[in-house]
């Protein structure tokens, strides 16, 4: 199992240099991943400070050497997929092949509607699916054509292609018990599960993770490794932390991603003690 950090980009966390320093501390402490938010506005606080995730990830890449990085999760429908292809390939080179690309529909209308963008979930889902095809097509470094409902690409070749082969890993956001996002994720390289059960509003249990993993296996059409990332909150005590995450590991999770507390200092203290020892 690998252990990551889910790091905000708002409020006290809205400082690229501070986040880059925090990522460097996380790497020294033995964490495997450092993932920042990709949002335009903070939930329920449109005047809150927010920083851009991609500029922040560039700073993080320059101050780390081994830890996996990414923006969780990027609503691909509010970005041009060819611009994202350039950004991600560049960041993959800057980080020497450490990027994970996380994609989602978008979790709030506030990031779309004020700019004249639709927040119709059906359209967002169509754009997400098409955008992923465009993104991964441009990553190949070969001439690429695509004619979809929302995006058109006419014989375009992007170089350099990413460092990672066959491509940058793509994780999709998913929730339980909604099945369609799980089926979408099963076509790619991993899933980042929402913290709460979307029906009960309670934290996902190891038993539910086991159900999710079984469902994903049914819908996987490839034999390549597939990551299942879940959110956790663990104490600094390694043994107590291990007791919390071990059932998720046994249920089939491959990553546990620690949620960020309200203050950077609280998070720094947790980060310095290192990930659970399982």
Protein backbone atom coordinates (compact mmCIF):
# COMPACT_ATOMS: atom_id res chain seq x y z
CA UNK A 1 0.00 0.00 0.00
CA UNK A 2 1.09 3.58 -0.70
CA UNK A 3 0.29 6.67 1.31
CA UNK A 4 -0.52 10.11 -0.02
CA UNK A 5 -1.64 13.52 1.14
CA UNK A 6 -4.74 15.40 -0.06
CA UNK A 7 -3.69 19.04 0.24
CA UNK A 8 -5.92 22.09 -0.07
CA UNK A 9 -5.13 25.12 -2.20
CA UNK A 10 -7.39 27.55 -0.32
CA UNK A 11 -7.19 29.79 2.73
CA UNK A 12 -4.06 29.15 4.75
CA UNK A 13 -2.91 26.64 2.13
CA UNK A 14 -3.11 29.20 -0.70
CA UNK A 15 0.64 29.73 -0.96
CA UNK A 16 2.64 27.85 -3.63
CA UNK A 17 5.96 28.21 -1.81
CA UNK A 18 4.46 26.97 1.45
CA UNK A 19 2.96 23.95 -0.33
CA UNK A 20 6.26 23.18 -2.08
CA UNK A 21 8.06 23.27 1.28
CA UNK A 22 5.38 21.00 2.73
CA UNK A 23 5.82 18.55 -0.15
CA UNK A 24 9.57 18.45 0.44
CA UNK A 25 8.93 17.66 4.12
CA UNK A 26 6.49 14.92 3.10
CA UNK A 27 9.08 13.35 0.83
CA UNK A 28 11.70 13.35 3.60
CA UNK A 29 9.18 11.75 5.97
CA UNK A 30 8.50 8.86 3.59
CA UNK A 31 5.11 9.73 2.07
CA UNK A 32 4.44 8.42 -1.46
CA UNK A 33 2.16 11.11 -2.92
CA UNK A 34 1.34 14.82 -2.60
CA UNK A 35 -1.88 15.86 -4.33
CA UNK A 36 -3.34 19.39 -4.46
CA UNK A 37 -6.87 20.56 -5.25
CA UNK A 38 -7.95 21.81 -8.68
CA UNK A 39 -10.74 24.30 -7.97
CA UNK A 40 -11.62 27.86 -8.96
CA UNK A 41 -13.42 28.80 -5.75
CA UNK A 42 -13.45 27.37 -2.25
CA UNK A 43 -16.66 25.53 -1.37
CA UNK A 44 -19.22 27.90 0.18
CA UNK A 45 -16.59 30.68 0.40
CA UNK A 46 -16.18 32.38 -2.99
CA UNK A 47 -14.00 35.14 -1.51
CA UNK A 48 -11.51 32.68 0.03
CA UNK A 49 -7.90 32.76 -1.21
CA UNK A 50 -7.21 30.12 -3.89
CA UNK A 51 -4.02 29.32 -5.84
CA UNK A 52 -3.62 27.63 -9.21
CA UNK A 53 -2.75 23.91 -8.89
CA UNK A 54 -0.56 23.62 -11.97
CA UNK A 55 1.76 26.50 -11.10
CA UNK A 56 1.89 25.07 -7.57
CA UNK A 57 2.75 21.58 -8.88
CA UNK A 58 5.62 23.05 -10.90
CA UNK A 59 7.04 24.53 -7.69
CA UNK A 60 6.52 21.20 -5.91
CA UNK A 61 8.25 19.29 -8.72
CA UNK A 62 11.30 21.54 -8.38
CA UNK A 63 11.62 20.90 -4.63
CA UNK A 64 11.08 17.13 -4.65
CA UNK A 65 12.68 14.14 -6.36
CA UNK A 66 10.70 10.97 -5.65
CA UNK A 67 7.18 11.68 -4.38
CA UNK A 68 4.24 11.27 -6.76
CA UNK A 69 2.34 14.50 -7.51
CA UNK A 70 -0.95 15.52 -9.08
CA UNK A 71 -4.01 17.78 -9.03
CA UNK A 72 -7.04 16.02 -7.50
CA UNK A 73 -9.33 16.21 -9.26
CA UNK A 74 -9.25 18.24 -12.51
CA UNK A 75 -12.70 18.96 -14.01
CA UNK A 76 -11.58 18.39 -17.58
CA UNK A 77 -14.74 19.96 -19.01
CA UNK A 78 -13.70 23.43 -17.85
CA UNK A 79 -10.29 23.19 -19.50
CA UNK A 80 -9.18 22.78 -23.10
CA UNK A 81 -7.88 19.20 -23.28
CA UNK A 82 -5.06 20.16 -25.67
CA UNK A 83 -3.85 22.78 -23.19
CA UNK A 84 -3.99 20.17 -20.43
CA UNK A 85 -1.99 17.82 -22.68
CA UNK A 86 0.78 20.43 -22.95
CA UNK A 87 0.71 21.23 -19.23
CA UNK A 88 0.77 17.63 -18.08
CA UNK A 89 3.48 16.52 -20.50
CA UNK A 90 5.63 19.47 -19.43
CA UNK A 91 5.05 18.74 -15.75
CA UNK A 92 5.82 15.06 -16.30
CA UNK A 93 9.20 16.09 -17.73
CA UNK A 94 9.81 18.62 -14.96
CA UNK A 95 9.10 15.96 -12.32
CA UNK A 96 10.96 13.20 -14.19
CA UNK A 97 7.85 11.07 -14.63
CA UNK A 98 6.06 11.49 -11.28
CA UNK A 99 2.72 12.92 -12.35
CA UNK A 100 -0.65 11.22 -11.84
CA UNK A 101 -3.51 12.87 -13.72
CA UNK A 102 -6.78 12.93 -11.77
CA UNK A 103 -9.99 13.78 -13.64
CA UNK A 104 -13.58 14.45 -12.60
CA UNK A 105 -16.82 16.14 -13.68
CA UNK A 106 -16.45 19.02 -11.23
CA UNK A 107 -18.02 19.13 -7.80
CA UNK A 108 -19.61 22.59 -7.77
CA UNK A 109 -21.53 24.85 -10.16
CA UNK A 110 -19.65 27.85 -8.75
CA UNK A 111 -16.58 26.86 -10.79
CA UNK A 112 -18.60 26.99 -14.04
CA UNK A 113 -21.74 29.14 -14.00
CA UNK A 114 -20.20 32.60 -13.27
CA UNK A 115 -18.15 32.24 -16.46
CA UNK A 116 -21.04 31.27 -18.72
CA UNK A 117 -20.14 27.57 -18.63
CA UNK A 118 -22.80 24.87 -18.30
CA UNK A 119 -23.11 22.77 -15.18
CA UNK A 120 -25.28 20.15 -16.87
CA UNK A 121 -23.84 16.88 -15.52
CA UNK A 122 -24.69 14.96 -18.67
CA UNK A 123 -22.74 17.42 -20.82
CA UNK A 124 -19.87 17.50 -18.34
CA UNK A 125 -19.69 13.69 -18.49
CA UNK A 126 -19.63 13.77 -22.31
CA UNK A 127 -16.84 16.36 -22.26
CA UNK A 128 -14.90 14.37 -19.68
CA UNK A 129 -15.00 11.21 -21.80
CA UNK A 130 -14.10 13.04 -25.01
CA UNK A 131 -11.47 15.15 -23.25
CA UNK A 132 -9.70 12.04 -21.95
CA UNK A 133 -9.58 10.60 -25.47
CA UNK A 134 -8.07 13.84 -26.79
CA UNK A 135 -5.63 14.11 -23.90
CA UNK A 136 -4.29 10.57 -24.19
CA UNK A 137 -4.23 10.78 -27.99
CA UNK A 138 -2.02 13.87 -27.87
CA UNK A 139 0.22 12.23 -25.26
CA UNK A 140 1.26 9.57 -27.80
CA UNK A 141 3.49 12.00 -29.71
CA UNK A 142 1.93 10.71 -32.94
CA UNK A 143 -0.29 12.54 -35.42
CA UNK A 144 -3.78 12.51 -33.89
CA UNK A 145 -7.26 13.10 -35.22
CA UNK A 146 -10.47 13.24 -33.23
CA UNK A 147 -14.02 14.21 -34.21
CA UNK A 148 -16.43 14.16 -31.31
CA UNK A 149 -19.55 15.98 -30.25
CA UNK A 150 -17.65 18.61 -28.26
CA UNK A 151 -14.02 18.48 -29.44
CA UNK A 152 -12.37 18.41 -32.85
CA UNK A 153 -8.67 17.73 -33.45
CA UNK A 154 -7.35 17.66 -37.01
CA UNK A 155 -4.08 15.83 -37.53
CA UNK A 156 -2.14 17.35 -34.64
CA UNK A 157 1.13 16.05 -33.22
CA UNK A 158 2.36 17.11 -29.76
CA UNK A 159 5.99 16.61 -28.79
CA UNK A 160 7.67 15.93 -26.51
CA UNK A 161 5.38 13.22 -25.25
CA UNK A 162 5.34 12.52 -21.50
CA UNK A 163 8.23 10.74 -19.79
CA UNK A 164 5.99 7.95 -18.50
CA UNK A 165 5.13 5.06 -20.79
CA UNK A 166 2.68 4.00 -22.05
CA UNK A 167 1.22 7.24 -20.60
CA UNK A 168 0.76 9.34 -17.51
CA UNK A 169 -1.52 7.32 -15.16
CA UNK A 170 -5.12 8.53 -15.28
CA UNK A 171 -7.30 8.26 -12.19
CA UNK A 172 -11.01 9.11 -12.18
CA UNK A 173 -13.11 10.37 -9.30
CA UNK A 174 -15.77 7.98 -8.07
CA UNK A 175 -18.39 7.66 -5.39
CA UNK A 176 -20.38 4.85 -3.85
CA UNK A 177 -22.97 3.53 -4.53
CA UNK A 178 -23.05 5.36 -7.90
CA UNK A 179 -22.00 2.84 -10.54
CA UNK A 180 -21.47 4.87 -13.73
CA UNK A 181 -18.35 6.72 -12.43
CA UNK A 182 -16.93 3.35 -11.37
CA UNK A 183 -17.44 1.93 -14.85
CA UNK A 184 -15.74 4.99 -16.35
CA UNK A 185 -12.80 4.65 -13.96
CA UNK A 186 -12.46 0.94 -14.79
CA UNK A 187 -11.41 1.92 -18.33
CA UNK A 188 -8.40 3.84 -17.03
CA UNK A 189 -5.65 3.38 -14.44
CA UNK A 190 -7.18 4.12 -11.07
CA UNK A 191 -9.99 5.59 -9.01
CA UNK A 192 -9.98 8.18 -6.25
CA UNK A 193 -13.01 7.47 -4.10
CA UNK A 194 -15.01 10.22 -2.47
CA UNK A 195 -14.75 10.16 1.31
CA UNK A 196 -18.41 9.61 2.09
CA UNK A 197 -21.05 7.15 0.99
CA UNK A 198 -23.24 9.30 -1.26
CA UNK A 199 -26.44 7.77 0.13
CA UNK A 200 -25.74 7.55 3.86
CA UNK A 201 -23.27 10.45 4.16
CA UNK A 202 -21.00 8.28 6.32
CA UNK A 203 -17.32 7.45 5.77
CA UNK A 204 -16.73 4.55 3.40
CA UNK A 205 -16.06 1.35 5.29
CA UNK A 206 -13.58 -1.40 4.35
CA UNK A 207 -16.58 -3.60 3.54
CA UNK A 208 -17.79 -1.02 1.01
CA UNK A 209 -14.30 -0.76 -0.47
CA UNK A 210 -14.36 -4.53 -0.94
CA UNK A 211 -17.68 -4.23 -2.82
CA UNK A 212 -16.26 -1.43 -4.98
CA UNK A 213 -13.14 -3.42 -5.84
CA UNK A 214 -15.25 -6.44 -6.81
CA UNK A 215 -17.45 -4.25 -9.03
CA UNK A 216 -14.40 -2.67 -10.70
CA UNK A 217 -12.90 -6.08 -11.43
CA UNK A 218 -16.06 -7.10 -13.26
CA UNK A 219 -15.81 -4.06 -15.53
CA UNK A 220 -12.04 -4.02 -16.08
CA UNK A 221 -11.14 -5.09 -19.63
CA UNK A 222 -7.36 -4.93 -19.19
CA UNK A 223 -4.92 -6.82 -16.97
CA UNK A 224 -2.68 -3.87 -16.12
CA UNK A 225 -2.42 -2.76 -12.47
CA UNK A 226 -5.29 -0.60 -11.24
CA UNK A 227 -5.08 1.76 -8.25
CA UNK A 228 -7.85 2.22 -5.70
CA UNK A 229 -7.28 5.30 -3.53
CA UNK A 230 -9.34 6.02 -0.42
CA UNK A 231 -9.38 8.93 2.03
CA UNK A 232 -8.37 8.35 5.63
CA UNK A 233 -7.56 10.32 8.74
CA UNK A 234 -4.90 8.68 10.88
CA UNK A 235 -3.13 9.62 14.12
CA UNK A 236 0.61 10.20 14.45
CA UNK A 237 1.09 6.93 16.33
CA UNK A 238 2.29 4.45 13.64
CA UNK A 239 0.66 1.41 15.28
CA UNK A 240 -2.72 3.10 15.70
CA UNK A 241 -2.50 4.44 12.14
CA UNK A 242 -1.73 0.95 10.86
CA UNK A 243 -4.80 -0.44 12.64
CA UNK A 244 -6.97 2.06 10.76
CA UNK A 245 -5.56 1.51 7.27
CA UNK A 246 -4.91 -2.26 7.35
CA UNK A 247 -8.60 -3.20 6.77
CA UNK A 248 -8.67 -0.94 3.69
CA UNK A 249 -5.54 -2.62 2.36
CA UNK A 250 -7.10 -6.04 2.95
CA UNK A 251 -10.25 -4.85 1.14
CA UNK A 252 -8.22 -4.04 -1.99
CA UNK A 253 -7.23 -0.38 -1.62
CA UNK A 254 -3.76 0.41 -3.00
CA UNK A 255 -3.49 3.99 -1.73
CA UNK A 256 -4.62 5.69 1.46
CA UNK A 257 -4.71 9.46 1.09
CA UNK A 258 -4.65 11.54 4.26
CA UNK A 259 -7.15 14.40 4.44
CA UNK A 260 -5.79 17.84 5.33
CA UNK A 261 -6.80 19.52 8.62
CA UNK A 262 -7.76 23.18 8.87
CA UNK A 263 -4.27 24.54 9.49
CA UNK A 264 -0.96 24.02 7.74
CA UNK A 265 0.83 23.61 11.05
CA UNK A 266 -1.47 20.75 12.09
CA UNK A 267 -0.82 19.05 8.77
CA UNK A 268 2.93 19.61 9.02
CA UNK A 269 3.01 17.92 12.40
CA UNK A 270 1.13 14.91 11.02
CA UNK A 271 3.32 14.79 7.91
CA UNK A 272 6.57 14.82 9.90
CA UNK A 273 5.62 11.68 11.81
CA UNK A 274 5.42 9.80 8.51
CA UNK A 275 2.85 7.47 6.95
CA UNK A 276 1.33 4.44 8.68
CA UNK A 277 3.65 1.44 8.88
CA UNK A 278 1.72 -1.48 7.44
